[in-house]
Amino acid sequence: MKISPCELQKCVGSIGWVMSLEEAEAAVMLMDSDGDGLLCFEDFVKVVEGVGEEEKANDLKGAFAMYEMEGSGFITPKSLKRMLSRLGESKTIEECNLMIAHYDINGDGQLNFDEFKVMMSS
């Protein structure tokens, strides 16, 4: 069984993801392993995994935005303390400093998005 771009669009739409017909056509062009303009099962799995990764990245960006300080692009000990407090977990600034230091790759005392991704994947 093979899947056309139109069928791919309907399929991902049925599980709550949004994909335009143009995006579905592009995905089929990129992932079609035998060049027939259709996706076999293995190709389809690769597409769905890719869409899942995009959703995961968007979720991480949303989570990061909740923790960062007023759009600064960084999570500071103060912004971490504030967000943890909102979640019902009381931490001191010193404890937040230690939490950040564990994942602070560049040693600047705050987390950028790449450092946050590392923290969330561990």
PDB file of N, CA and C in Angstrom:
ATOM      1  N   MET A   1       0.839  -1.180   0.000  1.00  0.00           N
ATOM      2  CA  MET A   1       0.000   0.000   0.000  1.00  0.00           C
ATOM      3  C   MET A   1       0.887   1.248   0.000  1.00  0.00           C
ATOM      4  N   LYS A   2       0.507   2.222  -0.761  1.00  0.00           N
ATOM      5  CA  LYS A   2       1.248   3.480  -0.877  1.00  0.00           C
ATOM      6  C   LYS A   2       0.331   4.641  -0.519  1.00  0.00           C
ATOM      7  N   ILE A   3       0.956   5.781  -0.109  1.00  0.00           N
ATOM      8  CA  ILE A   3       0.195   6.949   0.340  1.00  0.00           C
ATOM      9  C   ILE A   3       0.554   8.141  -0.544  1.00  0.00           C
ATOM     10  N   SER A   4      -0.484   8.816  -1.051  1.00  0.00           N
ATOM     11  CA  SER A   4      -0.289  10.006  -1.873  1.00  0.00           C
ATOM     12  C   SER A   4      -0.151  11.241  -0.971  1.00  0.00           C
ATOM     13  N   PRO A   5       0.292  12.368  -1.521  1.00  0.00           N
ATOM     14  CA  PRO A   5       0.363  13.589  -0.706  1.00  0.00           C
ATOM     15  C   PRO A   5      -0.978  13.976  -0.081  1.00  0.00           C
ATOM     16  N   CYS A   6      -2.046  13.851  -0.836  1.00  0.00           N
ATOM     17  CA  CYS A   6      -3.384  14.175  -0.316  1.00  0.00           C
ATOM     18  C   CYS A   6      -3.750  13.259   0.846  1.00  0.00           C
ATOM     19  N   GLU A   7      -3.465  11.974   0.703  1.00  0.00           N
ATOM     20  CA  GLU A   7      -3.744  11.019   1.777  1.00  0.00           C
ATOM     21  C   GLU A   7      -2.873  11.287   3.001  1.00  0.00           C
ATOM     22  N   LEU A   8      -1.625  11.685   2.762  1.00  0.00           N
ATOM     23  CA  LEU A   8      -0.731  12.031   3.870  1.00  0.00           C
ATOM     24  C   LEU A   8      -1.303  13.216   4.652  1.00  0.00           C
ATOM     25  N   GLN A   9      -1.757  14.238   3.937  1.00  0.00           N
ATOM     26  CA  GLN A   9      -2.336  15.415   4.584  1.00  0.00           C
ATOM     27  C   GLN A   9      -3.534  15.020   5.449  1.00  0.00           C
ATOM     28  N   LYS A  10      -4.412  14.189   4.915  1.00  0.00           N
ATOM     29  CA  LYS A  10      -5.595  13.750   5.670  1.00  0.00           C
ATOM     30  C   LYS A  10      -5.195  12.904   6.879  1.00  0.00           C
ATOM     31  N   CYS A  11      -4.209  12.061   6.693  1.00  0.00           N
ATOM     32  CA  CYS A  11      -3.763  11.164   7.759  1.00  0.00           C
ATOM     33  C   CYS A  11      -3.201  11.946   8.942  1.00  0.00           C
ATOM     34  N   VAL A  12      -2.288  12.874   8.689  1.00  0.00           N
ATOM     35  CA  VAL A  12      -1.717  13.635   9.800  1.00  0.00           C
ATOM     36  C   VAL A  12      -2.752  14.566  10.405  1.00  0.00           C
ATOM     37  N   GLY A  13      -3.693  15.027   9.589  1.00  0.00           N
ATOM     38  CA  GLY A  13      -4.786  15.855  10.111  1.00  0.00           C
ATOM     39  C   GLY A  13      -5.672  15.079  11.067  1.00  0.00           C
ATOM     40  N   SER A  14      -5.844  13.787  10.817  1.00  0.00           N
ATOM     41  CA  SER A  14      -6.700  12.975  11.675  1.00  0.00           C
ATOM     42  C   SER A  14      -6.122  12.758  13.071  1.00  0.00           C
ATOM     43  N   ILE A  15      -4.810  12.992  13.227  1.00  0.00           N
ATOM     44  CA  ILE A  15      -4.215  12.861  14.558  1.00  0.00           C
ATOM     45  C   ILE A  15      -3.901  14.225  15.172  1.00  0.00           C
ATOM     46  N   GLY A  16      -4.487  15.277  14.568  1.00  0.00           N
ATOM     47  CA  GLY A  16      -4.386  16.596  15.167  1.00  0.00           C
ATOM     48  C   GLY A  16      -3.246  17.464  14.690  1.00  0.00           C
ATOM     49  N   TRP A  17      -2.455  17.007  13.733  1.00  0.00           N
ATOM     50  CA  TRP A  17      -1.376  17.822  13.207  1.00  0.00           C
ATOM     51  C   TRP A  17      -1.883  18.565  11.985  1.00  0.00           C
ATOM     52  N   VAL A  18      -1.346  19.721  11.735  1.00  0.00           N
ATOM     53  CA  VAL A  18      -1.740  20.516  10.577  1.00  0.00           C
ATOM     54  C   VAL A  18      -0.629  20.448   9.536  1.00  0.00           C
ATOM     55  N   MET A  19      -1.023  20.062   8.317  1.00  0.00           N
ATOM     56  CA  MET A  19      -0.069  19.990   7.215  1.00  0.00           C
ATOM     57  C   MET A  19      -0.806  20.433   5.962  1.00  0.00           C
ATOM     58  N   SER A  20      -0.298  21.467   5.300  1.00  0.00           N
ATOM     59  CA  SER A  20      -0.917  21.913   4.057  1.00  0.00           C
ATOM     60  C   SER A  20      -0.634  20.891   2.959  1.00  0.00           C
ATOM     61  N   LEU A  21      -1.388  20.979   1.870  1.00  0.00           N
ATOM     62  CA  LEU A  21      -1.145  20.069   0.757  1.00  0.00           C
ATOM     63  C   LEU A  21       0.255  20.289   0.187  1.00  0.00           C
ATOM     64  N   GLU A  22       0.700  21.555   0.162  1.00  0.00           N
ATOM     65  CA  GLU A  22       2.045  21.849  -0.330  1.00  0.00           C
ATOM     66  C   GLU A  22       3.107  21.191   0.553  1.00  0.00           C
ATOM     67  N   GLU A  23       2.907  21.241   1.872  1.00  0.00           N
ATOM     68  CA  GLU A  23       3.844  20.592   2.796  1.00  0.00           C
ATOM     69  C   GLU A  23       3.832  19.079   2.602  1.00  0.00           C
ATOM     70  N   ALA A  24       2.642  18.522   2.384  1.00  0.00           N
ATOM     71  CA  ALA A  24       2.535  17.073   2.162  1.00  0.00           C
ATOM     72  C   ALA A  24       3.247  16.681   0.869  1.00  0.00           C
ATOM     73  N   GLU A  25       3.073  17.490  -0.172  1.00  0.00           N
ATOM     74  CA  GLU A  25       3.753  17.204  -1.437  1.00  0.00           C
ATOM     75  C   GLU A  25       5.268  17.280  -1.268  1.00  0.00           C
ATOM     76  N   ALA A  26       5.730  18.282  -0.525  1.00  0.00           N
ATOM     77  CA  ALA A  26       7.170  18.423  -0.285  1.00  0.00           C
ATOM     78  C   ALA A  26       7.699  17.243   0.523  1.00  0.00           C
ATOM     79  N   ALA A  27       6.931  16.816   1.523  1.00  0.00           N
ATOM     80  CA  ALA A  27       7.346  15.673   2.340  1.00  0.00           C
ATOM     81  C   ALA A  27       7.444  14.413   1.496  1.00  0.00           C
ATOM     82  N   VAL A  28       6.485  14.211   0.618  1.00  0.00           N
ATOM     83  CA  VAL A  28       6.524  13.033  -0.249  1.00  0.00           C
ATOM     84  C   VAL A  28       7.730  13.103  -1.178  1.00  0.00           C
ATOM     85  N   MET A  29       7.984  14.271  -1.740  1.00  0.00           N
ATOM     86  CA  MET A  29       9.143  14.413  -2.632  1.00  0.00           C
ATOM     87  C   MET A  29      10.448  14.103  -1.898  1.00  0.00           C
ATOM     88  N   LEU A  30      10.563  14.582  -0.658  1.00  0.00           N
ATOM     89  CA  LEU A  30      11.794  14.372   0.104  1.00  0.00           C
ATOM     90  C   LEU A  30      11.964  12.945   0.596  1.00  0.00           C
ATOM     91  N   MET A  31      10.870  12.312   0.974  1.00  0.00           N
ATOM     92  CA  MET A  31      10.963  11.016   1.650  1.00  0.00           C
ATOM     93  C   MET A  31      10.643   9.814   0.758  1.00  0.00           C
ATOM     94  N   ASP A  32      10.225  10.048  -0.460  1.00  0.00           N
ATOM     95  CA  ASP A  32       9.875   8.971  -1.388  1.00  0.00           C
ATOM     96  C   ASP A  32      11.138   8.215  -1.803  1.00  0.00           C
ATOM     97  N   SER A  33      11.307   7.016  -1.269  1.00  0.00           N
ATOM     98  CA  SER A  33      12.551   6.276  -1.488  1.00  0.00           C
ATOM     99  C   SER A  33      12.665   5.642  -2.868  1.00  0.00           C
ATOM    100  N   ASP A  34      11.539   5.391  -3.534  1.00  0.00           N
ATOM    101  CA  ASP A  34      11.644   4.739  -4.844  1.00  0.00           C
ATOM    102  C   ASP A  34      11.262   5.654  -6.009  1.00  0.00           C
ATOM    103  N   GLY A  35      10.969   6.936  -5.726  1.00  0.00           N
ATOM    104  CA  GLY A  35      10.731   7.911  -6.781  1.00  0.00           C
ATOM    105  C   GLY A  35       9.422   7.804  -7.523  1.00  0.00           C
ATOM    106  N   ASP A  36       8.434   7.091  -6.954  1.00  0.00           N
ATOM    107  CA  ASP A  36       7.162   6.946  -7.661  1.00  0.00           C
ATOM    108  C   ASP A  36       6.117   8.004  -7.262  1.00  0.00           C
ATOM    109  N   GLY A  37       6.511   8.967  -6.423  1.00  0.00           N
ATOM    110  CA  GLY A  37       5.583  10.026  -6.020  1.00  0.00           C
ATOM    111  C   GLY A  37       4.633   9.625  -4.912  1.00  0.00           C
ATOM    112  N   LEU A  38       4.869   8.455  -4.330  1.00  0.00           N
ATOM    113  CA  LEU A  38       4.038   7.941  -3.242  1.00  0.00           C
ATOM    114  C   LEU A  38       4.940   7.471  -2.107  1.00  0.00           C
ATOM    115  N   LEU A  39       4.374   7.394  -0.918  1.00  0.00           N
ATOM    116  CA  LEU A  39       5.135   6.911   0.234  1.00  0.00           C
ATOM    117  C   LEU A  39       4.778   5.469   0.541  1.00  0.00           C
ATOM    118  N   CYS A  40       5.806   4.639   0.692  1.00  0.00           N
ATOM    119  CA  CYS A  40       5.583   3.293   1.207  1.00  0.00           C
ATOM    120  C   CYS A  40       5.533   3.400   2.735  1.00  0.00           C
ATOM    121  N   PHE A  41       5.290   2.329   3.421  1.00  0.00           N
ATOM    122  CA  PHE A  41       5.146   2.370   4.878  1.00  0.00           C
ATOM    123  C   PHE A  41       6.395   2.932   5.551  1.00  0.00           C
ATOM    124  N   GLU A  42       7.576   2.481   5.142  1.00  0.00           N
ATOM    125  CA  GLU A  42       8.815   2.951   5.756  1.00  0.00           C
ATOM    126  C   GLU A  42       9.010   4.452   5.546  1.00  0.00           C
ATOM    127  N   ASP A  43       8.664   4.934   4.337  1.00  0.00           N
ATOM    128  CA  ASP A  43       8.747   6.365   4.056  1.00  0.00           C
ATOM    129  C   ASP A  43       7.781   7.134   4.965  1.00  0.00           C
ATOM    130  N   PHE A  44       6.574   6.609   5.102  1.00  0.00           N
ATOM    131  CA  PHE A  44       5.548   7.247   5.924  1.00  0.00           C
ATOM    132  C   PHE A  44       6.005   7.379   7.373  1.00  0.00           C
ATOM    133  N   VAL A  45       6.614   6.342   7.898  1.00  0.00           N
ATOM    134  CA  VAL A  45       7.115   6.374   9.275  1.00  0.00           C
ATOM    135  C   VAL A  45       8.137   7.492   9.438  1.00  0.00           C
ATOM    136  N   LYS A  46       9.025   7.654   8.463  1.00  0.00           N
ATOM    137  CA  LYS A  46      10.029   8.721   8.525  1.00  0.00           C
ATOM    138  C   LYS A  46       9.367  10.103   8.540  1.00  0.00           C
ATOM    139  N   VAL A  47       8.323  10.281   7.739  1.00  0.00           N
ATOM    140  CA  VAL A  47       7.610  11.563   7.708  1.00  0.00           C
ATOM    141  C   VAL A  47       6.966  11.847   9.054  1.00  0.00           C
ATOM    142  N   VAL A  48       6.279  10.869   9.607  1.00  0.00           N
ATOM    143  CA  VAL A  48       5.581  11.056  10.881  1.00  0.00           C
ATOM    144  C   VAL A  48       6.580  11.335  11.999  1.00  0.00           C
ATOM    145  N   GLU A  49       7.697  10.643  11.999  1.00  0.00           N
ATOM    146  CA  GLU A  49       8.734  10.916  13.003  1.00  0.00           C
ATOM    147  C   GLU A  49       9.249  12.342  12.864  1.00  0.00           C
ATOM    148  N   GLY A  50       9.416  12.820  11.645  1.00  0.00           N
ATOM    149  CA  GLY A  50       9.871  14.183  11.410  1.00  0.00           C
ATOM    150  C   GLY A  50       8.872  15.211  11.901  1.00  0.00           C
ATOM    151  N   VAL A  51       7.587  14.981  11.649  1.00  0.00           N
ATOM    152  CA  VAL A  51       6.548  15.887  12.138  1.00  0.00           C
ATOM    153  C   VAL A  51       6.534  15.866  13.659  1.00  0.00           C
ATOM    154  N   GLY A  52       6.704  14.683  14.242  1.00  0.00           N
ATOM    155  CA  GLY A  52       6.750  14.575  15.700  1.00  0.00           C
ATOM    156  C   GLY A  52       7.902  15.358  16.297  1.00  0.00           C
ATOM    157  N   GLU A  53       9.054  15.333  15.628  1.00  0.00           N
ATOM    158  CA  GLU A  53      10.213  16.090  16.102  1.00  0.00           C
ATOM    159  C   GLU A  53       9.948  17.587  16.033  1.00  0.00           C
ATOM    160  N   GLU A  54       9.251  18.024  14.975  1.00  0.00           N
ATOM    161  CA  GLU A  54       8.913  19.443  14.845  1.00  0.00           C
ATOM    162  C   GLU A  54       7.968  19.866  15.963  1.00  0.00           C
ATOM    163  N   GLU A  55       6.984  19.026  16.257  1.00  0.00           N
ATOM    164  CA  GLU A  55       6.055  19.314  17.361  1.00  0.00           C
ATOM    165  C   GLU A  55       6.812  19.379  18.687  1.00  0.00           C
ATOM    166  N   LYS A  56       7.742  18.459  18.878  1.00  0.00           N
ATOM    167  CA  LYS A  56       8.534  18.442  20.111  1.00  0.00           C
ATOM    168  C   LYS A  56       9.352  19.724  20.244  1.00  0.00           C
ATOM    169  N   ALA A  57       9.957  20.164  19.142  1.00  0.00           N
ATOM    170  CA  ALA A  57      10.740  21.401  19.166  1.00  0.00           C
ATOM    171  C   ALA A  57       9.858  22.594  19.501  1.00  0.00           C
ATOM    172  N   ASN A  58       8.656  22.632  18.943  1.00  0.00           N
ATOM    173  CA  ASN A  58       7.731  23.720  19.246  1.00  0.00           C
ATOM    174  C   ASN A  58       7.311  23.691  20.709  1.00  0.00           C
ATOM    175  N   ASP A  59       7.088  22.498  21.249  1.00  0.00           N
ATOM    176  CA  ASP A  59       6.746  22.374  22.670  1.00  0.00           C
ATOM    177  C   ASP A  59       7.884  22.879  23.548  1.00  0.00           C
ATOM    178  N   LEU A  60       9.125  22.534  23.181  1.00  0.00           N
ATOM    179  CA  LEU A  60      10.290  23.004  23.939  1.00  0.00           C
ATOM    180  C   LEU A  60      10.411  24.523  23.890  1.00  0.00           C
ATOM    181  N   LYS A  61      10.151  25.109  22.734  1.00  0.00           N
ATOM    182  CA  LYS A  61      10.212  26.566  22.606  1.00  0.00           C
ATOM    183  C   LYS A  61       9.163  27.216  23.499  1.00  0.00           C
ATOM    184  N   GLY A  62       7.969  26.618  23.554  1.00  0.00           N
ATOM    185  CA  GLY A  62       6.919  27.143  24.417  1.00  0.00           C
ATOM    186  C   GLY A  62       7.288  27.039  25.883  1.00  0.00           C
ATOM    187  N   ALA A  63       7.866  25.917  26.271  1.00  0.00           N
ATOM    188  CA  ALA A  63       8.288  25.738  27.664  1.00  0.00           C
ATOM    189  C   ALA A  63       9.397  26.719  28.015  1.00  0.00           C
ATOM    190  N   PHE A  64      10.340  26.895  27.109  1.00  0.00           N
ATOM    191  CA  PHE A  64      11.440  27.831  27.346  1.00  0.00           C
ATOM    192  C   PHE A  64      10.899  29.243  27.563  1.00  0.00           C
ATOM    193  N   ALA A  65       9.940  29.633  26.746  1.00  0.00           N
ATOM    194  CA  ALA A  65       9.360  30.975  26.859  1.00  0.00           C
ATOM    195  C   ALA A  65       8.705  31.193  28.220  1.00  0.00           C
ATOM    196  N   MET A  66       8.168  30.148  28.801  1.00  0.00           N
ATOM    197  CA  MET A  66       7.545  30.272  30.127  1.00  0.00           C
ATOM    198  C   MET A  66       8.592  30.545  31.203  1.00  0.00           C
ATOM    199  N   TYR A  67       9.769  30.022  31.046  1.00  0.00           N
ATOM    200  CA  TYR A  67      10.820  30.153  32.055  1.00  0.00           C
ATOM    201  C   TYR A  67      11.726  31.368  31.855  1.00  0.00           C
ATOM    202  N   GLU A  68      11.851  31.850  30.620  1.00  0.00           N
ATOM    203  CA  GLU A  68      12.795  32.945  30.390  1.00  0.00           C
ATOM    204  C   GLU A  68      12.272  34.257  30.985  1.00  0.00           C
ATOM    205  N   MET A  69      13.166  35.188  31.175  1.00  0.00           N
ATOM    206  CA  MET A  69      12.855  36.453  31.821  1.00  0.00           C
ATOM    207  C   MET A  69      12.501  37.509  30.787  1.00  0.00           C
ATOM    208  N   GLU A  70      11.229  37.855  30.709  1.00  0.00           N
ATOM    209  CA  GLU A  70      10.723  38.939  29.859  1.00  0.00           C
ATOM    210  C   GLU A  70      11.321  38.967  28.457  1.00  0.00           C
ATOM    211  N   GLY A  71      11.346  37.836  27.789  1.00  0.00           N
ATOM    212  CA  GLY A  71      11.818  37.786  26.415  1.00  0.00           C
ATOM    213  C   GLY A  71      13.307  38.014  26.230  1.00  0.00           C
ATOM    214  N   SER A  72      14.081  37.805  27.266  1.00  0.00           N
ATOM    215  CA  SER A  72      15.529  38.041  27.201  1.00  0.00           C
ATOM    216  C   SER A  72      16.261  36.988  26.384  1.00  0.00           C
ATOM    217  N   GLY A  73      15.635  35.828  26.217  1.00  0.00           N
ATOM    218  CA  GLY A  73      16.302  34.738  25.517  1.00  0.00           C
ATOM    219  C   GLY A  73      17.114  33.846  26.437  1.00  0.00           C
ATOM    220  N   PHE A  74      17.011  34.088  27.754  1.00  0.00           N
ATOM    221  CA  PHE A  74      17.757  33.304  28.736  1.00  0.00           C
ATOM    222  C   PHE A  74      16.878  32.976  29.933  1.00  0.00           C
ATOM    223  N   ILE A  75      17.160  31.847  30.549  1.00  0.00           N
ATOM    224  CA  ILE A  75      16.555  31.511  31.835  1.00  0.00           C
ATOM    225  C   ILE A  75      17.576  31.884  32.892  1.00  0.00           C
ATOM    226  N   THR A  76      17.199  32.804  33.758  1.00  0.00           N
ATOM    227  CA  THR A  76      18.076  33.254  34.833  1.00  0.00           C
ATOM    228  C   THR A  76      17.662  32.569  36.126  1.00  0.00           C
ATOM    229  N   PRO A  77      18.504  32.590  37.137  1.00  0.00           N
ATOM    230  CA  PRO A  77      18.091  32.029  38.427  1.00  0.00           C
ATOM    231  C   PRO A  77      16.790  32.673  38.935  1.00  0.00           C
ATOM    232  N   LYS A  78      16.663  33.972  38.740  1.00  0.00           N
ATOM    233  CA  LYS A  78      15.458  34.679  39.185  1.00  0.00           C
ATOM    234  C   LYS A  78      14.214  34.209  38.422  1.00  0.00           C
ATOM    235  N   SER A  79      14.322  34.063  37.097  1.00  0.00           N
ATOM    236  CA  SER A  79      13.158  33.617  36.321  1.00  0.00           C
ATOM    237  C   SER A  79      12.832  32.151  36.612  1.00  0.00           C
ATOM    238  N   LEU A  80      13.846  31.335  36.858  1.00  0.00           N
ATOM    239  CA  LEU A  80      13.614  29.938  37.229  1.00  0.00           C
ATOM    240  C   LEU A  80      12.897  29.857  38.564  1.00  0.00           C
ATOM    241  N   LYS A  81      13.338  30.648  39.538  1.00  0.00           N
ATOM    242  CA  LYS A  81      12.706  30.680  40.858  1.00  0.00           C
ATOM    243  C   LYS A  81      11.244  31.095  40.733  1.00  0.00           C
ATOM    244  N   ARG A  82      10.992  32.131  39.923  1.00  0.00           N
ATOM    245  CA  ARG A  82       9.630  32.621  39.730  1.00  0.00           C
ATOM    246  C   ARG A  82       8.729  31.542  39.133  1.00  0.00           C
ATOM    247  N   MET A  83       9.201  30.852  38.085  1.00  0.00           N
ATOM    248  CA  MET A  83       8.379  29.834  37.437  1.00  0.00           C
ATOM    249  C   MET A  83       8.170  28.634  38.343  1.00  0.00           C
ATOM    250  N   LEU A  84       9.198  28.202  39.036  1.00  0.00           N
ATOM    251  CA  LEU A  84       9.041  27.073  39.962  1.00  0.00           C
ATOM    252  C   LEU A  84       8.054  27.420  41.067  1.00  0.00           C
ATOM    253  N   SER A  85       8.086  28.668  41.515  1.00  0.00           N
ATOM    254  CA  SER A  85       7.145  29.120  42.538  1.00  0.00           C
ATOM    255  C   SER A  85       5.712  29.031  42.017  1.00  0.00           C
ATOM    256  N   ARG A  86       5.502  29.429  40.764  1.00  0.00           N
ATOM    257  CA  ARG A  86       4.172  29.324  40.145  1.00  0.00           C
ATOM    258  C   ARG A  86       3.699  27.878  40.060  1.00  0.00           C
ATOM    259  N   LEU A  87       4.657  26.973  39.935  1.00  0.00           N
ATOM    260  CA  LEU A  87       4.329  25.549  39.858  1.00  0.00           C
ATOM    261  C   LEU A  87       4.213  24.904  41.235  1.00  0.00           C
ATOM    262  N   GLY A  88       4.364  25.727  42.282  1.00  0.00           N
ATOM    263  CA  GLY A  88       4.207  25.225  43.643  1.00  0.00           C
ATOM    264  C   GLY A  88       5.463  24.662  44.259  1.00  0.00           C
ATOM    265  N   GLU A  89       6.605  24.918  43.649  1.00  0.00           N
ATOM    266  CA  GLU A  89       7.865  24.404  44.173  1.00  0.00           C
ATOM    267  C   GLU A  89       8.739  25.574  44.611  1.00  0.00           C
ATOM    268  N   SER A  90       8.952  25.690  45.901  1.00  0.00           N
ATOM    269  CA  SER A  90       9.716  26.808  46.438  1.00  0.00           C
ATOM    270  C   SER A  90      11.207  26.481  46.439  1.00  0.00           C
ATOM    271  N   LYS A  91      11.982  27.317  45.770  1.00  0.00           N
ATOM    272  CA  LYS A  91      13.441  27.164  45.721  1.00  0.00           C
ATOM    273  C   LYS A  91      14.083  28.514  46.027  1.00  0.00           C
ATOM    274  N   THR A  92      15.252  28.475  46.623  1.00  0.00           N
ATOM    275  CA  THR A  92      15.995  29.707  46.869  1.00  0.00           C
ATOM    276  C   THR A  92      16.765  30.073  45.596  1.00  0.00           C
ATOM    277  N   ILE A  93      17.242  31.306  45.531  1.00  0.00           N
ATOM    278  CA  ILE A  93      18.075  31.732  44.402  1.00  0.00           C
ATOM    279  C   ILE A  93      19.328  30.867  44.319  1.00  0.00           C
ATOM    280  N   GLU A  94      19.891  30.512  45.474  1.00  0.00           N
ATOM    281  CA  GLU A  94      21.090  29.664  45.480  1.00  0.00           C
ATOM    282  C   GLU A  94      20.796  28.303  44.863  1.00  0.00           C
ATOM    283  N   GLU A  95      19.636  27.719  45.220  1.00  0.00           N
ATOM    284  CA  GLU A  95      19.258  26.427  44.645  1.00  0.00           C
ATOM    285  C   GLU A  95      19.056  26.550  43.133  1.00  0.00           C
ATOM    286  N   CYS A  96      18.462  27.645  42.698  1.00  0.00           N
ATOM    287  CA  CYS A  96      18.257  27.873  41.264  1.00  0.00           C
ATOM    288  C   CYS A  96      19.597  28.064  40.553  1.00  0.00           C
ATOM    289  N   ASN A  97      20.524  28.747  41.196  1.00  0.00           N
ATOM    290  CA  ASN A  97      21.876  28.892  40.629  1.00  0.00           C
ATOM    291  C   ASN A  97      22.511  27.528  40.403  1.00  0.00           C
ATOM    292  N   LEU A  98      22.381  26.637  41.384  1.00  0.00           N
ATOM    293  CA  LEU A  98      22.955  25.292  41.263  1.00  0.00           C
ATOM    294  C   LEU A  98      22.282  24.488  40.153  1.00  0.00           C
ATOM    295  N   MET A  99      20.949  24.618  40.046  1.00  0.00           N
ATOM    296  CA  MET A  99      20.216  23.907  38.990  1.00  0.00           C
ATOM    297  C   MET A  99      20.690  24.373  37.611  1.00  0.00           C
ATOM    298  N   ILE A 100      20.835  25.669  37.459  1.00  0.00           N
ATOM    299  CA  ILE A 100      21.284  26.225  36.180  1.00  0.00           C
ATOM    300  C   ILE A 100      22.728  25.844  35.902  1.00  0.00           C
ATOM    301  N   ALA A 101      23.589  25.922  36.904  1.00  0.00           N
ATOM    302  CA  ALA A 101      25.015  25.630  36.729  1.00  0.00           C
ATOM    303  C   ALA A 101      25.239  24.222  36.173  1.00  0.00           C
ATOM    304  N   HIS A 102      24.347  23.296  36.526  1.00  0.00           N
ATOM    305  CA  HIS A 102      24.484  21.917  36.067  1.00  0.00           C
ATOM    306  C   HIS A 102      24.397  21.809  34.539  1.00  0.00           C
ATOM    307  N   TYR A 103      23.620  22.695  33.893  1.00  0.00           N
ATOM    308  CA  TYR A 103      23.422  22.628  32.444  1.00  0.00           C
ATOM    309  C   TYR A 103      23.985  23.844  31.706  1.00  0.00           C
ATOM    310  N   ASP A 104      24.626  24.739  32.425  1.00  0.00           N
ATOM    311  CA  ASP A 104      25.161  25.972  31.854  1.00  0.00           C
ATOM    312  C   ASP A 104      26.485  25.685  31.145  1.00  0.00           C
ATOM    313  N   ILE A 105      26.410  25.340  29.889  1.00  0.00           N
ATOM    314  CA  ILE A 105      27.576  24.904  29.122  1.00  0.00           C
ATOM    315  C   ILE A 105      28.608  26.022  28.961  1.00  0.00           C
ATOM    316  N   ASN A 106      28.146  27.236  28.690  1.00  0.00           N
ATOM    317  CA  ASN A 106      29.093  28.331  28.449  1.00  0.00           C
ATOM    318  C   ASN A 106      29.472  29.100  29.712  1.00  0.00           C
ATOM    319  N   GLY A 107      28.912  28.718  30.860  1.00  0.00           N
ATOM    320  CA  GLY A 107      29.312  29.292  32.137  1.00  0.00           C
ATOM    321  C   GLY A 107      28.887  30.726  32.389  1.00  0.00           C
ATOM    322  N   ASP A 108      27.829  31.191  31.725  1.00  0.00           N
ATOM    323  CA  ASP A 108      27.404  32.578  31.915  1.00  0.00           C
ATOM    324  C   ASP A 108      26.367  32.764  33.026  1.00  0.00           C
ATOM    325  N   GLY A 109      26.016  31.671  33.727  1.00  0.00           N
ATOM    326  CA  GLY A 109      25.097  31.780  34.856  1.00  0.00           C
ATOM    327  C   GLY A 109      23.632  31.782  34.472  1.00  0.00           C
ATOM    328  N   GLN A 110      23.350  31.522  33.218  1.00  0.00           N
ATOM    329  CA  GLN A 110      21.966  31.448  32.747  1.00  0.00           C
ATOM    330  C   GLN A 110      21.884  30.399  31.648  1.00  0.00           C
ATOM    331  N   LEU A 111      20.654  30.000  31.300  1.00  0.00           N
ATOM    332  CA  LEU A 111      20.469  28.983  30.273  1.00  0.00           C
ATOM    333  C   LEU A 111      19.934  29.611  29.007  1.00  0.00           C
ATOM    334  N   ASN A 112      20.599  29.369  27.875  1.00  0.00           N
ATOM    335  CA  ASN A 112      20.027  29.745  26.589  1.00  0.00           C
ATOM    336  C   ASN A 112      19.192  28.564  26.094  1.00  0.00           C
ATOM    337  N   PHE A 113      18.563  28.702  24.945  1.00  0.00           N
ATOM    338  CA  PHE A 113      17.670  27.657  24.464  1.00  0.00           C
ATOM    339  C   PHE A 113      18.388  26.336  24.226  1.00  0.00           C
ATOM    340  N   ASP A 114      19.589  26.384  23.669  1.00  0.00           N
ATOM    341  CA  ASP A 114      20.330  25.138  23.416  1.00  0.00           C
ATOM    342  C   ASP A 114      20.662  24.405  24.711  1.00  0.00           C
ATOM    343  N   GLU A 115      21.033  25.136  25.734  1.00  0.00           N
ATOM    344  CA  GLU A 115      21.319  24.523  27.048  1.00  0.00           C
ATOM    345  C   GLU A 115      20.037  23.959  27.660  1.00  0.00           C
ATOM    346  N   PHE A 116      18.931  24.669  27.463  1.00  0.00           N
ATOM    347  CA  PHE A 116      17.634  24.204  27.947  1.00  0.00           C
ATOM    348  C   PHE A 116      17.239  22.889  27.279  1.00  0.00           C
ATOM    349  N   LYS A 117      17.496  22.782  25.964  1.00  0.00           N
ATOM    350  CA  LYS A 117      17.198  21.535  25.243  1.00  0.00           C
ATOM    351  C   LYS A 117      17.991  20.379  25.839  1.00  0.00           C
ATOM    352  N   VAL A 118      19.260  20.620  26.155  1.00  0.00           N
ATOM    353  CA  VAL A 118      20.087  19.567  26.750  1.00  0.00           C
ATOM    354  C   VAL A 118      19.489  19.159  28.097  1.00  0.00           C
ATOM    355  N   MET A 119      19.094  20.143  28.899  1.00  0.00           N
ATOM    356  CA  MET A 119      18.501  19.853  30.203  1.00  0.00           C
ATOM    357  C   MET A 119      17.229  19.020  30.051  1.00  0.00           C
ATOM    358  N   MET A 120      16.387  19.371  29.105  1.00  0.00           N
ATOM    359  CA  MET A 120      15.104  18.677  28.933  1.00  0.00           C
ATOM    360  C   MET A 120      15.271  17.284  28.345  1.00  0.00           C
ATOM    361  N   SER A 121      16.374  17.032  27.666  1.00  0.00           N
ATOM    362  CA  SER A 121      16.572  15.709  27.071  1.00  0.00           C
ATOM    363  C   SER A 121      17.262  14.749  28.023  1.00  0.00           C
ATOM    364  N   SER A 122      17.722  15.253  29.176  1.00  0.00           N
ATOM    365  CA  SER A 122      18.414  14.347  30.106  1.00  0.00           C
ATOM    366  C   SER A 122      17.500  13.860  31.201  1.00  0.00           C
TER     367      SER A 122
END
